Amino acid sequence: MNKAGLYPRRVSFPKTKVRYWAVVGLAAAALVACHQQEQAVVGAANRAVTAEQQARAAATARATKRDEQRAELQKISLPTKSMYLDIHEPSAWANPFLAIGPDAIALRIINADANTSDLGKGTMLRPEGARRQEIQIKPSDLAEAMVAVPASAWKYGRVVAVAEMPGGTGKDRAKMRRNVESAIQQLNDLGIVVVEWPTR
């Protein structure tokens, strides 16, 4: 019996062909990996561009809102310093007053007396306390709150008094100080004159 008939014939590939296909396979794998990496980079770049566009849109919206708030507050006349220069007690202050705490701001306003006559003014029939309002607001809502103050509550013009809330721990006092500085910056940005008590 022929040996060739008993055993299957062995097929051999030249080593150069094996190397060729191995190189082709590696090149294809490298191309796929490069393409995936490129897609990942493009995706990240697109997300970065979208985030930047969203940030710009948000900044533009904030600037537009701030311009609208400024325009609204400019309807209030400029302050008359002679009307409040000698006032040093919060209870005697007739314009908006801000007592700033570590987490909130107490906004006090005194509405104008609807009765224009002098009869009974300041007496039990027409007490100032009945026209006094105090609300708690978040520091982030300060600008909107100032725009909402009625025109009649700006007796001295566009000026507010600001003070730290009394009491509090050392940690609270540091936070209050930061909040006071932030509030003054916001108010100045709105075109509002700030009188800080006690005077620093």
Protein backbone atom coordinates (compact mmCIF):
# COMPACT_ATOMS: atom_id res chain seq x y z
CA MET A 1 0.00 0.00 0.00
CA ASN A 2 1.24 3.45 -0.90
CA LYS A 3 2.16 5.60 2.06
CA ALA A 4 0.65 8.54 0.31
CA GLY A 5 -2.76 6.81 0.30
CA LEU A 6 -2.69 6.14 4.06
CA TYR A 7 -1.91 9.60 5.30
CA PRO A 8 -3.51 12.84 4.20
CA ARG A 9 -1.29 15.02 2.19
CA ARG A 10 0.22 17.87 4.22
CA VAL A 11 -0.37 21.32 2.84
CA SER A 12 2.33 23.81 3.63
CA PHE A 13 2.23 27.55 3.14
CA PRO A 14 5.34 29.49 2.42
CA LYS A 15 6.52 31.44 5.45
CA THR A 16 6.38 34.67 3.49
CA LYS A 17 2.61 34.23 2.96
CA VAL A 18 2.04 33.56 6.66
CA ARG A 19 3.97 36.66 7.57
CA TYR A 20 2.06 38.67 4.97
CA TRP A 21 -1.35 37.68 6.38
CA ALA A 22 -0.17 38.24 9.93
CA VAL A 23 0.97 41.75 9.02
CA VAL A 24 -2.32 42.42 7.21
CA GLY A 25 -4.29 41.24 10.26
CA LEU A 26 -2.28 43.42 12.62
CA ALA A 27 -2.64 46.42 10.32
CA ALA A 28 -6.41 45.91 10.14
CA ALA A 29 -6.64 45.63 13.94
CA ALA A 30 -4.53 48.77 14.33
CA LEU A 31 -6.76 50.64 11.84
CA VAL A 32 -9.91 49.61 13.75
CA ALA A 33 -8.33 50.69 17.07
CA CYS A 34 -7.19 54.00 15.57
CA HIS A 35 -10.67 54.63 14.13
CA GLN A 36 -12.30 53.93 17.51
CA GLN A 37 -9.82 56.21 19.25
CA GLU A 38 -10.43 58.92 16.67
CA GLN A 39 -14.19 58.60 17.18
CA ALA A 40 -13.70 58.89 20.95
CA VAL A 41 -11.59 62.05 20.50
CA VAL A 42 -14.14 63.56 18.10
CA GLY A 43 -16.96 62.72 20.54
CA ALA A 44 -15.09 64.35 23.43
CA ALA A 45 -14.37 67.43 21.31
CA ASN A 46 -18.04 67.70 20.30
CA ARG A 47 -19.13 67.41 23.94
CA ALA A 48 -16.63 70.12 24.93
CA VAL A 49 -17.93 72.44 22.18
CA THR A 50 -21.55 71.80 23.25
CA ALA A 51 -20.69 72.50 26.91
CA GLU A 52 -18.91 75.72 25.90
CA GLN A 53 -21.90 76.83 23.78
CA GLN A 54 -24.26 76.10 26.68
CA ALA A 55 -22.03 78.04 29.08
CA ARG A 56 -21.96 81.02 26.67
CA ALA A 57 -25.75 80.90 26.27
CA ALA A 58 -26.21 80.80 30.06
CA ALA A 59 -23.78 83.72 30.52
CA THR A 60 -25.62 85.73 27.85
CA ALA A 61 -28.96 85.00 29.53
CA ARG A 62 -27.58 86.10 32.92
CA ALA A 63 -26.16 89.29 31.41
CA THR A 64 -29.49 90.06 29.70
CA LYS A 65 -31.38 89.48 32.95
CA ARG A 66 -28.94 91.70 34.88
CA ASP A 67 -29.39 94.46 32.26
CA GLU A 68 -33.18 94.22 32.66
CA GLN A 69 -32.84 94.40 36.46
CA ARG A 70 -30.56 97.46 36.17
CA ALA A 71 -33.02 99.16 33.81
CA GLU A 72 -35.87 98.53 36.26
CA LEU A 73 -33.89 99.93 39.21
CA GLN A 74 -32.83 103.01 37.24
CA LYS A 75 -36.45 104.14 37.48
CA ILE A 76 -35.64 104.87 41.15
CA SER A 77 -33.98 108.27 41.55
CA LEU A 78 -30.32 108.61 42.57
CA PRO A 79 -29.84 108.84 46.34
CA THR A 80 -29.95 112.15 48.19
CA LYS A 81 -27.13 111.82 50.71
CA SER A 82 -28.29 114.71 52.89
CA MET A 83 -31.48 112.75 53.71
CA TYR A 84 -29.65 109.83 55.36
CA LEU A 85 -26.17 111.09 56.26
CA ASP A 86 -27.04 111.63 59.94
CA ILE A 87 -28.98 108.36 60.38
CA HIS A 88 -26.99 105.78 62.34
CA GLU A 89 -29.69 103.55 63.82
CA PRO A 90 -31.31 100.72 61.83
CA SER A 91 -34.70 101.54 63.35
CA ALA A 92 -34.52 105.09 61.92
CA TRP A 93 -33.52 103.96 58.40
CA ALA A 94 -36.46 104.43 56.01
CA ASN A 95 -35.00 102.75 52.89
CA PRO A 96 -34.51 99.00 52.30
CA PHE A 97 -32.30 97.47 55.01
CA LEU A 98 -30.42 94.17 54.67
CA ALA A 99 -29.36 92.15 57.72
CA ILE A 100 -27.05 89.48 56.31
CA GLY A 101 -26.61 86.13 58.02
CA PRO A 102 -24.56 83.02 57.21
CA ASP A 103 -27.33 81.38 55.14
CA ALA A 104 -30.04 84.00 54.54
CA ILE A 105 -30.71 87.72 54.25
CA ALA A 106 -33.43 89.58 56.14
CA LEU A 107 -34.80 92.33 53.88
CA ARG A 108 -36.74 95.04 55.73
CA ILE A 109 -38.74 97.67 53.89
CA ILE A 110 -41.08 100.41 55.03
CA ASN A 111 -43.89 101.16 52.61
CA ALA A 112 -44.91 104.77 52.12
CA ASP A 113 -47.96 106.00 54.00
CA ALA A 114 -50.92 105.93 51.62
CA ASN A 115 -52.49 108.82 53.57
CA THR A 116 -50.75 112.01 52.42
CA SER A 117 -52.19 114.30 55.14
CA ASP A 118 -50.27 115.09 58.33
CA LEU A 119 -53.30 114.42 60.53
CA GLY A 120 -52.48 111.60 62.97
CA LYS A 121 -49.13 110.87 61.31
CA GLY A 122 -46.89 108.72 63.55
CA THR A 123 -49.64 108.17 66.11
CA MET A 124 -51.49 104.99 67.05
CA LEU A 125 -53.93 105.70 64.24
CA ARG A 126 -51.13 105.59 61.65
CA PRO A 127 -48.22 103.59 63.11
CA GLU A 128 -45.08 103.14 61.04
CA GLY A 129 -44.82 99.54 62.23
CA ALA A 130 -47.95 98.68 60.24
CA ARG A 131 -46.13 99.65 57.06
CA ARG A 132 -42.95 97.76 57.94
CA GLN A 133 -42.32 94.41 56.23
CA GLU A 134 -39.49 91.94 56.72
CA ILE A 135 -38.84 88.90 54.55
CA GLN A 136 -36.13 86.22 54.50
CA ILE A 137 -34.44 85.67 51.16
CA LYS A 138 -31.60 83.52 49.85
CA PRO A 139 -28.40 85.37 48.92
CA SER A 140 -28.88 84.12 45.33
CA ASP A 141 -32.29 85.88 45.17
CA LEU A 142 -30.99 89.30 46.25
CA ALA A 143 -31.14 90.98 42.82
CA GLU A 144 -34.71 89.84 42.15
CA ALA A 145 -35.79 90.92 45.63
CA MET A 146 -34.36 94.41 45.15
CA VAL A 147 -36.17 94.82 41.82
CA ALA A 148 -39.42 93.77 43.56
CA VAL A 149 -39.15 96.48 46.26
CA PRO A 150 -41.91 99.02 45.55
CA ALA A 151 -40.85 102.49 44.42
CA SER A 152 -42.53 104.03 47.49
CA ALA A 153 -40.05 102.22 49.78
CA TRP A 154 -37.03 104.13 48.35
CA LYS A 155 -37.49 107.33 50.37
CA TYR A 156 -33.81 108.40 50.05
CA GLY A 157 -33.40 107.23 46.46
CA ARG A 158 -31.45 104.20 45.23
CA VAL A 159 -29.52 103.39 48.43
CA VAL A 160 -29.66 100.49 50.89
CA ALA A 161 -28.14 99.89 54.32
CA VAL A 162 -26.31 96.61 54.91
CA ALA A 163 -25.23 95.04 58.20
CA GLU A 164 -24.18 91.66 59.52
CA MET A 165 -26.77 89.90 61.67
CA PRO A 166 -25.83 90.16 65.35
CA GLY A 167 -24.47 87.12 67.19
CA GLY A 168 -23.16 83.94 65.62
CA THR A 169 -20.02 81.86 66.10
CA GLY A 170 -16.61 82.66 64.66
CA LYS A 171 -17.28 80.35 61.73
CA ASP A 172 -20.65 82.02 61.10
CA ARG A 173 -19.09 85.46 61.30
CA ALA A 174 -16.54 84.58 58.60
CA LYS A 175 -19.35 83.30 56.36
CA MET A 176 -21.45 86.40 57.05
CA ARG A 177 -18.52 88.63 56.11
CA ARG A 178 -18.18 86.81 52.77
CA ASN A 179 -21.94 87.14 52.22
CA VAL A 180 -21.81 90.87 53.02
CA GLU A 181 -19.01 91.41 50.49
CA SER A 182 -20.88 89.37 47.86
CA ALA A 183 -24.11 91.33 48.52
CA ILE A 184 -22.31 94.68 48.22
CA GLN A 185 -20.81 93.57 44.90
CA GLN A 186 -24.23 92.48 43.58
CA LEU A 187 -25.90 95.70 44.73
CA ASN A 188 -23.19 97.89 43.20
CA ASP A 189 -23.50 95.92 39.97
CA LEU A 190 -27.22 96.79 39.97
CA GLY A 191 -26.40 100.49 40.38
CA ILE A 192 -27.49 100.63 44.04
CA VAL A 193 -25.48 102.70 46.52
CA VAL A 194 -24.60 100.75 49.69
CA VAL A 195 -24.18 102.12 53.22
CA GLU A 196 -22.56 99.48 55.43
CA TRP A 197 -23.19 99.49 59.17
CA PRO A 198 -21.16 99.73 61.26
CA THR A 199 -19.07 101.96 59.02
CA ARG A 200 -15.77 100.22 58.21
